[in-house]
């Protein structure tokens, strides 16, 4: 089942990461997919955000989130949510299972020193 989910996620275009634009709330700015990816990657390198076991990107240090990082997280996670929904629909599973499967696939590519949140909700540095 996991392999089918990963194939469906890849077919849906996970490499695009944020395939669906998201309009952020009033406290944040709207960010393009390309900008969102760059902002999130920098925030990951800075240890502010990290990958989470549910397949989304989350805030590790809330106090350091800027409006741009919040908007970028919203953009990226909206795209991932849509991809997980599509993968779940095509494989007969749930979006949550597709997200968790995506994280398992992505885990090996998290660079040393960056942070991730495990299935118990604990932030760990790789």
C-alpha atoms as a PDB file:
ATOM      1  CA  UNK A   1       0.000   0.000   0.000  1.00  0.00           C
ATOM      2  CA  UNK A   2       2.775   2.481   0.868  1.00  0.00           C
ATOM      3  CA  UNK A   3       4.406   2.077  -2.541  1.00  0.00           C
ATOM      4  CA  UNK A   4       1.069   2.771  -4.268  1.00  0.00           C
ATOM      5  CA  UNK A   5       0.603   5.902  -2.157  1.00  0.00           C
ATOM      6  CA  UNK A   6       4.092   7.168  -3.004  1.00  0.00           C
ATOM      7  CA  UNK A   7       3.527   6.525  -6.695  1.00  0.00           C
ATOM      8  CA  UNK A   8       0.214   8.394  -6.526  1.00  0.00           C
ATOM      9  CA  UNK A   9       1.836  11.313  -4.700  1.00  0.00           C
ATOM     10  CA  UNK A  10       4.627  11.457  -7.280  1.00  0.00           C
ATOM     11  CA  UNK A  11       2.101  11.255 -10.109  1.00  0.00           C
ATOM     12  CA  UNK A  12       0.166  14.125  -8.554  1.00  0.00           C
ATOM     13  CA  UNK A  13       3.338  16.215  -8.624  1.00  0.00           C
ATOM     14  CA  UNK A  14       4.754  16.274  -5.097  1.00  0.00           C
ATOM     15  CA  UNK A  15       7.966  17.647  -6.551  1.00  0.00           C
ATOM     16  CA  UNK A  16       5.981  20.815  -7.112  1.00  0.00           C
ATOM     17  CA  UNK A  17       5.433  20.774  -3.313  1.00  0.00           C
ATOM     18  CA  UNK A  18       2.849  23.531  -3.298  1.00  0.00           C
ATOM     19  CA  UNK A  19       0.656  22.784  -6.259  1.00  0.00           C
ATOM     20  CA  UNK A  20      -2.357  24.670  -4.948  1.00  0.00           C
ATOM     21  CA  UNK A  21      -2.109  28.352  -4.104  1.00  0.00           C
ATOM     22  CA  UNK A  22      -3.305  29.280  -0.640  1.00  0.00           C
ATOM     23  CA  UNK A  23      -4.481  32.682   0.422  1.00  0.00           C
ATOM     24  CA  UNK A  24      -2.982  33.343   3.806  1.00  0.00           C
ATOM     25  CA  UNK A  25      -4.931  35.003   6.590  1.00  0.00           C
ATOM     26  CA  UNK A  26      -4.922  38.779   7.046  1.00  0.00           C
ATOM     27  CA  UNK A  27      -1.858  38.672   9.307  1.00  0.00           C
ATOM     28  CA  UNK A  28       0.307  37.251   6.535  1.00  0.00           C
ATOM     29  CA  UNK A  29       1.219  38.007   2.960  1.00  0.00           C
ATOM     30  CA  UNK A  30       0.392  35.902  -0.082  1.00  0.00           C
ATOM     31  CA  UNK A  31       3.490  34.075  -1.300  1.00  0.00           C
ATOM     32  CA  UNK A  32       4.195  32.451  -4.671  1.00  0.00           C
ATOM     33  CA  UNK A  33       5.050  28.741  -4.772  1.00  0.00           C
ATOM     34  CA  UNK A  34       8.664  29.474  -5.708  1.00  0.00           C
ATOM     35  CA  UNK A  35       9.051  32.058  -2.958  1.00  0.00           C
ATOM     36  CA  UNK A  36       7.326  29.759  -0.455  1.00  0.00           C
ATOM     37  CA  UNK A  37       9.789  26.970  -1.204  1.00  0.00           C
ATOM     38  CA  UNK A  38      12.784  29.313  -0.779  1.00  0.00           C
ATOM     39  CA  UNK A  39      11.416  30.827   2.441  1.00  0.00           C
ATOM     40  CA  UNK A  40      10.600  27.438   3.971  1.00  0.00           C
ATOM     41  CA  UNK A  41      13.965  25.984   2.963  1.00  0.00           C
ATOM     42  CA  UNK A  42      15.735  28.899   4.653  1.00  0.00           C
ATOM     43  CA  UNK A  43      13.542  28.561   7.752  1.00  0.00           C
ATOM     44  CA  UNK A  44      14.403  24.836   7.855  1.00  0.00           C
ATOM     45  CA  UNK A  45      18.112  25.646   7.624  1.00  0.00           C
ATOM     46  CA  UNK A  46      17.660  28.179  10.441  1.00  0.00           C
ATOM     47  CA  UNK A  47      15.873  25.595  12.624  1.00  0.00           C
ATOM     48  CA  UNK A  48      12.625  27.571  12.775  1.00  0.00           C
ATOM     49  CA  UNK A  49      10.493  25.003  10.950  1.00  0.00           C
ATOM     50  CA  UNK A  50      10.832  21.362  10.056  1.00  0.00           C
ATOM     51  CA  UNK A  51       9.215  18.389   8.411  1.00  0.00           C
ATOM     52  CA  UNK A  52       6.583  16.584  10.450  1.00  0.00           C
ATOM     53  CA  UNK A  53       5.634  12.900  10.540  1.00  0.00           C
ATOM     54  CA  UNK A  54       2.180  13.751   9.167  1.00  0.00           C
ATOM     55  CA  UNK A  55       3.742  14.950   5.904  1.00  0.00           C
ATOM     56  CA  UNK A  56       3.402  18.668   6.535  1.00  0.00           C
ATOM     57  CA  UNK A  57       5.898  21.354   7.473  1.00  0.00           C
ATOM     58  CA  UNK A  58       5.454  22.863  10.918  1.00  0.00           C
ATOM     59  CA  UNK A  59       6.736  25.605  13.174  1.00  0.00           C
ATOM     60  CA  UNK A  60       9.357  24.462  15.663  1.00  0.00           C
ATOM     61  CA  UNK A  61      10.064  27.926  17.101  1.00  0.00           C
ATOM     62  CA  UNK A  62       6.798  29.900  17.031  1.00  0.00           C
ATOM     63  CA  UNK A  63       8.436  33.051  18.381  1.00  0.00           C
ATOM     64  CA  UNK A  64      10.663  33.292  15.296  1.00  0.00           C
ATOM     65  CA  UNK A  65       7.914  32.946  12.692  1.00  0.00           C
ATOM     66  CA  UNK A  66       7.597  36.001  10.501  1.00  0.00           C
ATOM     67  CA  UNK A  67       4.584  36.864   8.351  1.00  0.00           C
ATOM     68  CA  UNK A  68       6.507  35.629   5.313  1.00  0.00           C
ATOM     69  CA  UNK A  69       7.311  32.270   6.934  1.00  0.00           C
ATOM     70  CA  UNK A  70       3.681  31.843   8.041  1.00  0.00           C
ATOM     71  CA  UNK A  71       2.463  32.571   4.517  1.00  0.00           C
ATOM     72  CA  UNK A  72       5.043  30.221   3.022  1.00  0.00           C
ATOM     73  CA  UNK A  73       4.020  27.423   5.411  1.00  0.00           C
ATOM     74  CA  UNK A  74       0.372  27.962   4.507  1.00  0.00           C
ATOM     75  CA  UNK A  75       1.183  27.859   0.788  1.00  0.00           C
ATOM     76  CA  UNK A  76       3.328  24.742   1.043  1.00  0.00           C
ATOM     77  CA  UNK A  77       0.967  22.854   3.332  1.00  0.00           C
ATOM     78  CA  UNK A  78      -2.080  23.694   1.208  1.00  0.00           C
ATOM     79  CA  UNK A  79      -0.321  22.195  -1.793  1.00  0.00           C
ATOM     80  CA  UNK A  80       0.668  19.110   0.146  1.00  0.00           C
ATOM     81  CA  UNK A  81      -2.872  18.675   1.486  1.00  0.00           C
ATOM     82  CA  UNK A  82      -4.249  18.656  -2.034  1.00  0.00           C
ATOM     83  CA  UNK A  83      -1.626  16.168  -3.210  1.00  0.00           C
ATOM     84  CA  UNK A  84      -2.313  13.867  -0.250  1.00  0.00           C
ATOM     85  CA  UNK A  85      -6.053  14.088  -0.933  1.00  0.00           C
ATOM     86  CA  UNK A  86      -5.494  13.153  -4.577  1.00  0.00           C
ATOM     87  CA  UNK A  87      -3.134  10.311  -3.666  1.00  0.00           C
ATOM     88  CA  UNK A  88      -5.595   8.963  -1.105  1.00  0.00           C
ATOM     89  CA  UNK A  89      -8.426   9.083  -3.600  1.00  0.00           C
ATOM     90  CA  UNK A  90      -6.455   7.191  -6.238  1.00  0.00           C
ATOM     91  CA  UNK A  91      -5.125   4.545  -3.833  1.00  0.00           C
ATOM     92  CA  UNK A  92      -8.195   4.030  -1.675  1.00  0.00           C
ATOM     93  CA  UNK A  93      -6.560   5.185   1.535  1.00  0.00           C
ATOM     94  CA  UNK A  94      -6.766   8.361   3.618  1.00  0.00           C
ATOM     95  CA  UNK A  95      -5.043  11.696   3.143  1.00  0.00           C
ATOM     96  CA  UNK A  96      -3.448  11.203   6.569  1.00  0.00           C
ATOM     97  CA  UNK A  97      -1.935   7.885   5.457  1.00  0.00           C
ATOM     98  CA  UNK A  98      -0.674   9.506   2.253  1.00  0.00           C
ATOM     99  CA  UNK A  99       0.939  12.319   4.247  1.00  0.00           C
ATOM    100  CA  UNK A 100       2.619   9.910   6.652  1.00  0.00           C
ATOM    101  CA  UNK A 101       3.863   7.832   3.738  1.00  0.00           C
ATOM    102  CA  UNK A 102       5.259  10.939   2.083  1.00  0.00           C
ATOM    103  CA  UNK A 103       7.148  11.832   5.260  1.00  0.00           C
ATOM    104  CA  UNK A 104       8.663   8.342   5.402  1.00  0.00           C
ATOM    105  CA  UNK A 105       9.866   8.769   1.830  1.00  0.00           C
ATOM    106  CA  UNK A 106      11.154  12.303   2.474  1.00  0.00           C
ATOM    107  CA  UNK A 107      12.897  11.466   5.782  1.00  0.00           C
ATOM    108  CA  UNK A 108      16.125  10.194   4.210  1.00  0.00           C
ATOM    109  CA  UNK A 109      16.565  13.470   2.317  1.00  0.00           C
ATOM    110  CA  UNK A 110      16.316  15.709   5.391  1.00  0.00           C
ATOM    111  CA  UNK A 111      19.806  17.180   5.721  1.00  0.00           C
ATOM    112  CA  UNK A 112      21.848  16.581   8.865  1.00  0.00           C
ATOM    113  CA  UNK A 113      21.269  19.356  11.365  1.00  0.00           C
ATOM    114  CA  UNK A 114      17.702  20.097  10.300  1.00  0.00           C
ATOM    115  CA  UNK A 115      14.710  19.380  12.505  1.00  0.00           C
ATOM    116  CA  UNK A 116      11.762  17.019  12.135  1.00  0.00           C
ATOM    117  CA  UNK A 117       8.833  16.129  14.375  1.00  0.00           C
ATOM    118  CA  UNK A 118       8.394  12.407  14.984  1.00  0.00           C
ATOM    119  CA  UNK A 119       5.137  10.478  15.345  1.00  0.00           C
ATOM    120  CA  UNK A 120       5.129  11.183  19.102  1.00  0.00           C
ATOM    121  CA  UNK A 121       5.179  14.944  18.477  1.00  0.00           C
ATOM    122  CA  UNK A 122       8.779  15.413  19.625  1.00  0.00           C
ATOM    123  CA  UNK A 123      11.057  17.711  17.636  1.00  0.00           C
ATOM    124  CA  UNK A 124      14.371  16.016  16.876  1.00  0.00           C
ATOM    125  CA  UNK A 125      17.476  17.213  15.084  1.00  0.00           C
ATOM    126  CA  UNK A 126      18.745  14.881  12.399  1.00  0.00           C
END
